[in-house]
Amino acid sequence: MRLHWFPAAARLLRLTALICLIAGLCTAGASGAPVTEPQPVPLRLSVLEPEFKAFWAEAQGKPIEQQLQVWDRLVEARHRDFYEIFVWDKAANPRWQERKRRLLGKMFAKYPALYPAMIANFERFPATIATQVARFRRSFPDAVFTGPIYAAPVASFNGKGGEGGSADGSGELTLAFGIDLISERNDDVDILYAHELFHIYHGKAAGIDEKVFAEQGRLTLPLWMEGFATYVSGLLNPDKPDGELLMDASLGRVAASERRWLAAEFLKVAGGKAVDEHGSLAFNQWFSAGESKVRADLPSRCGYWLGLAVARELAKTHPLDEMVRWRVPEIHRHMLEALQELARSN
């Protein structure tokens, strides 16, 4: 579950599956009059099940170096731009090849146990994502998903949206799901797909792209974007507990009484930049998995938990269709107000 903006680069090429959404053209507005919806467009799916099957049929049981050679030949060579730009983020990571070898080596060792679940998730993906998009458009009738959507073995994320890049320098919003991580984590795909679809929709509606995120974003921006996406995934999947919405049982166990302390702590760093070329300790403490935490007795990624609390607070006084279109300055102002309110509350 990651939101990440990528620099523009070579255009993502192979788009292997097309499915059309069947949906009505009108819905009733608040006044009861019909409101015309955008014509549904085909989803541009690339489902890398054949590549994965061919890779594992040849690579299973071989030494890691041979497995990597087979992987490069049968998987990445056919989708080089997708992997180098979107998965490994080659331009931003000088040691991307080391990271690739390390993550793939760990994942290859898990593939024998994960293989049946991965194949099942691959096979269900086209129908499941189509159902989720149709459900999403019932809540957000103006949503149109025209960019590539990948289901692939990636070893590094379960869901990720961002600019995939194009040859003419304009970024194309791309959505990708890591079938191996989804299978290992046993993610609820209804929640995950809704969360990532909302990131794509929200970025367009709010006018937030890579440039805006980097130049204007303060730490309130990822707090809002992740918390708001989690909030909306809950609206689309009612009755799901917070641990499932946050896709982390440990976050679901954070006591509500921690909200005041967390809000006060975040206010101390809220004005920091969302993107720091030197790496932000505050960002890692609030949003990254691993050892870096805001407090030793709390789980990592408490920014997701706090962001959800802030979104729920703001939803008490602001309608959804207003919040989704807030620009960055409005987001920062509303977030500070809500955090201050939570820091005062009992």
Protein backbone atom coordinates (compact mmCIF):
# COMPACT_ATOMS: atom_id res chain seq x y z
CA MET A 1 0.00 0.00 0.00
CA ARG A 2 2.00 2.90 -1.24
CA LEU A 3 1.44 6.20 -2.91
CA HIS A 4 4.49 7.26 -4.88
CA TRP A 5 5.08 9.83 -7.60
CA PHE A 6 7.60 8.89 -10.26
CA PRO A 7 9.55 11.05 -12.71
CA ALA A 8 8.50 10.87 -16.34
CA ALA A 9 10.52 8.42 -18.44
CA ALA A 10 9.97 5.85 -21.18
CA ARG A 11 6.36 5.01 -21.88
CA LEU A 12 4.93 1.81 -20.42
CA LEU A 13 4.37 -0.47 -23.35
CA ARG A 14 2.62 -3.81 -23.17
CA LEU A 15 -1.03 -3.73 -22.24
CA THR A 16 -2.32 -7.23 -22.57
CA ALA A 17 -5.94 -7.38 -21.48
CA LEU A 18 -8.97 -5.26 -22.14
CA ILE A 19 -12.21 -5.59 -20.28
CA CYS A 20 -15.14 -3.23 -20.50
CA LEU A 21 -17.18 -2.08 -17.56
CA ILE A 22 -20.89 -2.28 -18.02
CA ALA A 23 -22.56 0.53 -16.11
CA GLY A 24 -25.58 2.81 -16.38
CA LEU A 25 -25.16 6.23 -17.95
CA CYS A 26 -27.26 8.17 -15.43
CA THR A 27 -27.68 8.39 -11.68
CA ALA A 28 -30.06 10.40 -9.57
CA GLY A 29 -28.64 13.62 -8.19
CA ALA A 30 -29.54 15.24 -4.90
CA SER A 31 -32.56 16.89 -6.52
CA GLY A 32 -33.74 13.66 -8.12
CA ALA A 33 -32.86 14.82 -11.63
CA PRO A 34 -30.68 12.48 -13.69
CA VAL A 35 -26.99 13.30 -13.75
CA THR A 36 -25.06 12.18 -16.79
CA GLU A 37 -21.99 10.09 -15.97
CA PRO A 38 -18.89 9.78 -18.11
CA GLN A 39 -19.01 6.89 -20.55
CA PRO A 40 -17.15 3.95 -18.96
CA VAL A 41 -13.89 3.26 -20.75
CA PRO A 42 -12.08 -0.08 -21.10
CA LEU A 43 -9.67 -0.94 -18.32
CA ARG A 44 -6.14 -1.32 -19.65
CA LEU A 45 -5.00 -4.40 -17.80
CA SER A 46 -1.66 -6.17 -17.92
CA VAL A 47 -1.92 -9.44 -16.04
CA LEU A 48 1.52 -11.06 -15.91
CA GLU A 49 0.32 -14.56 -15.02
CA PRO A 50 1.76 -16.22 -18.19
CA GLU A 51 5.17 -14.62 -17.61
CA PHE A 52 5.21 -15.70 -13.99
CA LYS A 53 4.18 -19.28 -14.82
CA ALA A 54 6.86 -19.55 -17.51
CA PHE A 55 9.49 -18.13 -15.17
CA TRP A 56 8.72 -20.48 -12.30
CA ALA A 57 8.44 -23.54 -14.51
CA GLU A 58 12.04 -22.95 -15.62
CA ALA A 59 13.53 -21.38 -12.48
CA GLN A 60 12.15 -23.52 -9.67
CA GLY A 61 14.88 -25.35 -7.77
CA LYS A 62 17.77 -23.54 -9.47
CA PRO A 63 20.42 -21.40 -7.72
CA ILE A 64 19.55 -17.75 -7.19
CA GLU A 65 21.87 -16.45 -9.91
CA GLN A 66 20.25 -18.70 -12.50
CA GLN A 67 16.80 -17.76 -11.25
CA LEU A 68 17.63 -14.07 -11.69
CA GLN A 69 18.76 -14.71 -15.27
CA VAL A 70 15.50 -16.51 -16.04
CA TRP A 71 13.53 -13.73 -14.37
CA ASP A 72 15.21 -11.05 -16.46
CA ARG A 73 14.66 -12.99 -19.67
CA LEU A 74 11.05 -14.13 -19.18
CA VAL A 75 9.57 -11.42 -16.96
CA GLU A 76 11.42 -8.11 -16.94
CA ALA A 77 12.64 -8.14 -20.55
CA ARG A 78 9.01 -8.12 -21.68
CA HIS A 79 8.08 -5.22 -19.37
CA ARG A 80 11.37 -3.42 -18.90
CA ASP A 81 9.99 0.10 -18.47
CA PHE A 82 7.41 -1.03 -15.93
CA TYR A 83 10.01 -2.76 -13.76
CA GLU A 84 12.86 -0.27 -14.08
CA ILE A 85 10.72 2.85 -13.70
CA PHE A 86 7.82 1.77 -11.54
CA VAL A 87 8.97 -1.22 -9.51
CA TRP A 88 12.68 -0.57 -8.91
CA ASP A 89 12.58 3.23 -9.37
CA LYS A 90 15.92 3.09 -11.14
CA ALA A 91 16.36 6.85 -11.59
CA ALA A 92 16.00 7.59 -7.87
CA ASN A 93 17.98 4.61 -6.54
CA PRO A 94 21.61 4.32 -7.65
CA ARG A 95 21.82 0.91 -5.94
CA TRP A 96 18.59 -0.36 -7.41
CA GLN A 97 20.18 -3.55 -8.75
CA GLU A 98 21.36 -4.54 -5.27
CA ARG A 99 17.90 -3.91 -3.88
CA LYS A 100 16.33 -5.88 -6.72
CA ARG A 101 18.59 -8.88 -6.12
CA ARG A 102 17.96 -8.81 -2.36
CA LEU A 103 14.17 -8.55 -2.60
CA LEU A 104 13.81 -11.08 -5.41
CA GLY A 105 16.11 -13.52 -3.64
CA LYS A 106 13.89 -13.44 -0.55
CA MET A 107 10.73 -13.74 -2.60
CA PHE A 108 11.97 -16.57 -4.81
CA ALA A 109 12.47 -18.64 -1.64
CA LYS A 110 8.80 -18.10 -0.78
CA TYR A 111 7.36 -18.85 -4.22
CA PRO A 112 7.00 -22.63 -3.69
CA ALA A 113 4.57 -22.01 -0.82
CA LEU A 114 2.92 -18.96 -2.38
CA TYR A 115 2.48 -20.32 -5.90
CA PRO A 116 -1.10 -21.71 -5.55
CA ALA A 117 -2.39 -18.51 -3.92
CA MET A 118 -0.63 -16.36 -6.52
CA ILE A 119 -2.17 -18.22 -9.43
CA ALA A 120 -5.61 -17.94 -7.80
CA ASN A 121 -5.14 -14.18 -7.30
CA PHE A 122 -3.91 -13.73 -10.87
CA GLU A 123 -6.92 -15.58 -12.26
CA ARG A 124 -9.41 -13.62 -10.15
CA PHE A 125 -7.82 -10.25 -10.83
CA PRO A 126 -9.66 -9.12 -14.03
CA ALA A 127 -13.12 -9.81 -12.64
CA THR A 128 -12.29 -8.49 -9.16
CA ILE A 129 -10.80 -5.19 -10.33
CA ALA A 130 -13.71 -4.65 -12.74
CA THR A 131 -16.17 -5.18 -9.88
CA GLN A 132 -14.24 -2.78 -7.66
CA VAL A 133 -14.10 -0.08 -10.35
CA ALA A 134 -17.85 -0.41 -10.97
CA ARG A 135 -18.50 -0.14 -7.21
CA PHE A 136 -16.15 2.84 -6.99
CA ARG A 137 -17.98 4.65 -9.80
CA ARG A 138 -21.27 4.29 -7.98
CA SER A 139 -19.82 6.49 -5.23
CA PHE A 140 -17.73 8.66 -7.56
CA PRO A 141 -19.61 8.79 -10.89
CA ASP A 142 -17.02 11.06 -12.51
CA ALA A 143 -14.20 8.56 -11.91
CA VAL A 144 -12.47 7.41 -15.09
CA PHE A 145 -9.44 5.12 -15.00
CA THR A 146 -7.59 5.39 -18.29
CA GLY A 147 -4.03 4.50 -17.25
CA PRO A 148 -2.39 1.08 -17.20
CA ILE A 149 -3.31 -1.31 -14.38
CA TYR A 150 -0.85 -4.12 -13.67
CA ALA A 151 -1.14 -7.38 -11.77
CA ALA A 152 2.44 -8.60 -11.50
CA PRO A 153 5.04 -10.32 -9.34
CA VAL A 154 7.09 -7.43 -7.90
CA ALA A 155 8.58 -8.49 -4.52
CA SER A 156 8.42 -4.91 -3.22
CA PHE A 157 4.82 -3.70 -2.73
CA ASN A 158 1.23 -4.90 -2.62
CA GLY A 159 -0.34 -1.83 -4.21
CA LYS A 160 1.16 1.30 -5.71
CA GLY A 161 0.01 4.23 -7.81
CA GLY A 162 1.99 6.95 -9.49
CA GLU A 163 3.28 8.39 -12.72
CA GLY A 164 4.61 5.62 -14.94
CA GLY A 165 6.17 7.95 -17.48
CA SER A 166 6.01 8.36 -21.23
CA ALA A 167 8.45 9.00 -24.04
CA ASP A 168 7.29 12.59 -24.55
CA GLY A 169 7.97 13.45 -20.92
CA SER A 170 4.38 13.49 -19.68
CA GLY A 171 3.64 11.15 -16.82
CA GLU A 172 0.84 8.62 -17.23
CA LEU A 173 -0.90 7.60 -14.04
CA THR A 174 -0.30 3.91 -13.49
CA LEU A 175 -1.68 1.50 -10.92
CA ALA A 176 0.05 -1.76 -10.02
CA PHE A 177 -0.70 -4.63 -7.67
CA GLY A 178 2.00 -6.97 -6.42
CA ILE A 179 0.40 -10.38 -6.55
CA ASP A 180 3.23 -12.02 -4.58
CA LEU A 181 2.99 -9.55 -1.66
CA ILE A 182 -0.81 -9.68 -1.73
CA SER A 183 -0.65 -13.48 -1.51
CA GLU A 184 1.98 -13.48 1.23
CA ARG A 185 0.11 -10.93 3.35
CA ASN A 186 -3.28 -12.49 2.56
CA ASP A 187 -4.59 -8.98 1.89
CA ASP A 188 -8.28 -8.26 1.61
CA VAL A 189 -8.23 -7.25 -2.04
CA ASP A 190 -11.56 -5.43 -1.83
CA ILE A 191 -9.98 -3.00 0.65
CA LEU A 192 -6.63 -2.80 -1.12
CA TYR A 193 -8.07 -2.19 -4.59
CA ALA A 194 -10.49 0.45 -3.27
CA HIS A 195 -7.64 2.22 -1.44
CA GLU A 196 -5.39 2.38 -4.49
CA LEU A 197 -8.18 3.31 -6.90
CA PHE A 198 -9.00 6.23 -4.65
CA HIS A 199 -5.38 7.42 -4.69
CA ILE A 200 -5.56 7.66 -8.50
CA TYR A 201 -8.95 9.38 -8.47
CA HIS A 202 -8.01 11.74 -5.63
CA GLY A 203 -4.77 12.81 -7.30
CA LYS A 204 -6.67 13.85 -10.42
CA ALA A 205 -9.54 15.53 -8.55
CA ALA A 206 -7.23 17.53 -6.26
CA GLY A 207 -4.69 18.41 -8.95
CA ILE A 208 -1.86 16.63 -7.13
CA ASP A 209 0.87 15.23 -9.34
CA GLU A 210 4.58 14.55 -8.83
CA LYS A 211 5.56 18.20 -9.24
CA VAL A 212 2.85 19.53 -6.91
CA PHE A 213 3.58 16.86 -4.30
CA ALA A 214 7.31 17.65 -4.29
CA GLU A 215 7.10 21.43 -4.47
CA GLN A 216 4.04 22.22 -2.35
CA GLY A 217 3.54 19.22 -0.12
CA ARG A 218 4.12 19.39 3.61
CA LEU A 219 3.91 16.34 5.85
CA THR A 220 0.21 17.06 6.21
CA LEU A 221 -0.18 15.98 2.57
CA PRO A 222 0.77 12.27 2.92
CA LEU A 223 -1.12 12.24 6.24
CA TRP A 224 -4.24 13.40 4.38
CA MET A 225 -3.81 11.29 1.27
CA GLU A 226 -3.26 8.04 3.16
CA GLY A 227 -5.82 8.75 5.85
CA PHE A 228 -8.44 9.87 3.32
CA ALA A 229 -7.87 6.81 1.11
CA THR A 230 -8.27 4.57 4.17
CA TYR A 231 -11.44 6.44 5.14
CA VAL A 232 -12.97 6.06 1.67
CA SER A 233 -12.03 2.36 1.48
CA GLY A 234 -14.05 2.01 4.69
CA LEU A 235 -17.06 3.74 3.10
CA LEU A 236 -16.85 1.32 0.16
CA ASN A 237 -16.37 -1.67 2.47
CA PRO A 238 -18.64 -0.98 5.45
CA ASP A 239 -18.40 -2.98 8.67
CA LYS A 240 -14.70 -3.68 8.21
CA PRO A 241 -12.66 -3.07 11.41
CA ASP A 242 -9.87 -0.53 11.44
CA GLY A 243 -7.15 -3.19 11.51
CA GLU A 244 -8.40 -4.48 8.15
CA LEU A 245 -8.90 -1.00 6.65
CA LEU A 246 -5.35 -0.08 7.69
CA MET A 247 -4.14 -3.48 6.43
CA ASP A 248 -2.19 -3.91 9.65
CA ALA A 249 -3.64 -5.65 12.71
CA SER A 250 -1.17 -3.88 15.02
CA LEU A 251 -2.46 -0.48 13.90
CA GLY A 252 -5.98 -1.69 14.53
CA ARG A 253 -5.02 -2.29 18.17
CA VAL A 254 -3.82 1.29 18.80
CA ALA A 255 -6.01 2.68 21.56
CA ALA A 256 -8.28 5.62 20.80
CA SER A 257 -6.75 7.35 23.83
CA GLU A 258 -3.50 7.73 21.84
CA ARG A 259 -5.18 10.08 19.36
CA ARG A 260 -4.51 13.20 21.45
CA TRP A 261 -0.80 12.46 21.91
CA LEU A 262 -0.30 11.47 18.28
CA ALA A 263 -2.01 14.62 17.00
CA ALA A 264 0.13 16.81 19.26
CA GLU A 265 3.32 15.04 18.17
CA PHE A 266 2.48 15.34 14.48
CA LEU A 267 1.83 19.07 14.83
CA LYS A 268 5.51 19.45 15.76
CA VAL A 269 6.59 18.24 12.29
CA ALA A 270 3.50 19.09 10.20
CA GLY A 271 5.24 21.92 8.37
CA GLY A 272 8.13 19.76 7.18
CA LYS A 273 8.46 18.97 3.47
CA ALA A 274 6.73 15.86 2.19
CA VAL A 275 9.66 15.19 -0.17
CA ASP A 276 13.18 15.67 1.18
CA GLU A 277 16.07 14.73 -1.09
CA HIS A 278 18.14 13.81 1.96
CA GLY A 279 15.44 11.59 3.40
CA SER A 280 13.09 12.68 6.16
CA LEU A 281 13.33 11.08 9.59
CA ALA A 282 9.87 12.40 10.40
CA PHE A 283 8.39 10.90 7.22
CA ASN A 284 9.92 7.51 8.01
CA GLN A 285 8.75 7.60 11.61
CA TRP A 286 5.16 8.30 10.62
CA PHE A 287 4.69 6.49 7.32
CA SER A 288 7.35 3.82 6.74
CA ALA A 289 7.38 0.22 7.90
CA GLY A 290 10.39 -0.91 9.88
CA GLU A 291 12.24 0.08 13.02
CA SER A 292 11.66 3.84 12.78
CA LYS A 293 8.65 4.72 14.94
CA VAL A 294 7.17 7.77 16.62
CA ARG A 295 7.25 5.91 19.96
CA ALA A 296 8.83 2.60 20.85
CA ASP A 297 5.61 1.03 22.21
CA LEU A 298 3.54 1.95 19.14
CA PRO A 299 3.60 0.17 15.76
CA SER A 300 5.23 1.68 12.70
CA ARG A 301 3.20 3.69 10.18
CA CYS A 302 1.11 5.50 12.81
CA GLY A 303 0.58 8.24 10.24
CA TYR A 304 -1.98 5.99 8.55
CA TRP A 305 -3.86 5.57 11.84
CA LEU A 306 -3.74 9.28 12.62
CA GLY A 307 -4.66 10.20 9.04
CA LEU A 308 -7.79 8.05 9.31
CA ALA A 309 -8.71 9.77 12.59
CA VAL A 310 -8.24 13.20 10.98
CA ALA A 311 -10.33 12.23 7.93
CA ARG A 312 -13.15 11.08 10.21
CA GLU A 313 -12.94 14.35 12.14
CA LEU A 314 -13.10 16.48 9.00
CA ALA A 315 -15.95 14.39 7.56
CA LYS A 316 -18.13 15.56 10.45
CA THR A 317 -18.29 19.07 8.96
CA HIS A 318 -17.31 18.71 5.30
CA PRO A 319 -19.02 16.69 2.53
CA LEU A 320 -17.03 14.08 0.66
CA ASP A 321 -17.27 15.78 -2.74
CA GLU A 322 -15.80 18.95 -1.21
CA MET A 323 -12.92 17.24 0.58
CA VAL A 324 -11.83 15.28 -2.48
CA ARG A 325 -11.23 18.52 -4.42
CA TRP A 326 -9.22 20.42 -1.82
CA ARG A 327 -5.98 21.79 -3.25
CA VAL A 328 -2.72 21.50 -1.31
CA PRO A 329 -2.99 24.83 0.58
CA GLU A 330 -6.55 23.98 1.64
CA ILE A 331 -5.47 20.51 2.71
CA HIS A 332 -2.68 21.92 4.87
CA ARG A 333 -5.01 24.44 6.53
CA HIS A 334 -7.78 21.93 7.23
CA MET A 335 -5.31 19.34 8.49
CA LEU A 336 -3.75 21.77 10.96
CA GLU A 337 -7.19 22.76 12.24
CA ALA A 338 -8.26 19.13 12.68
CA LEU A 339 -4.99 18.10 14.32
CA GLN A 340 -5.27 21.00 16.76
CA GLU A 341 -8.82 19.94 17.59
CA LEU A 342 -7.77 16.32 18.15
CA ALA A 343 -4.81 17.43 20.28
CA ARG A 344 -7.23 19.34 22.55
CA SER A 345 -9.87 16.64 22.75
CA ASN A 346 -10.14 13.99 25.45
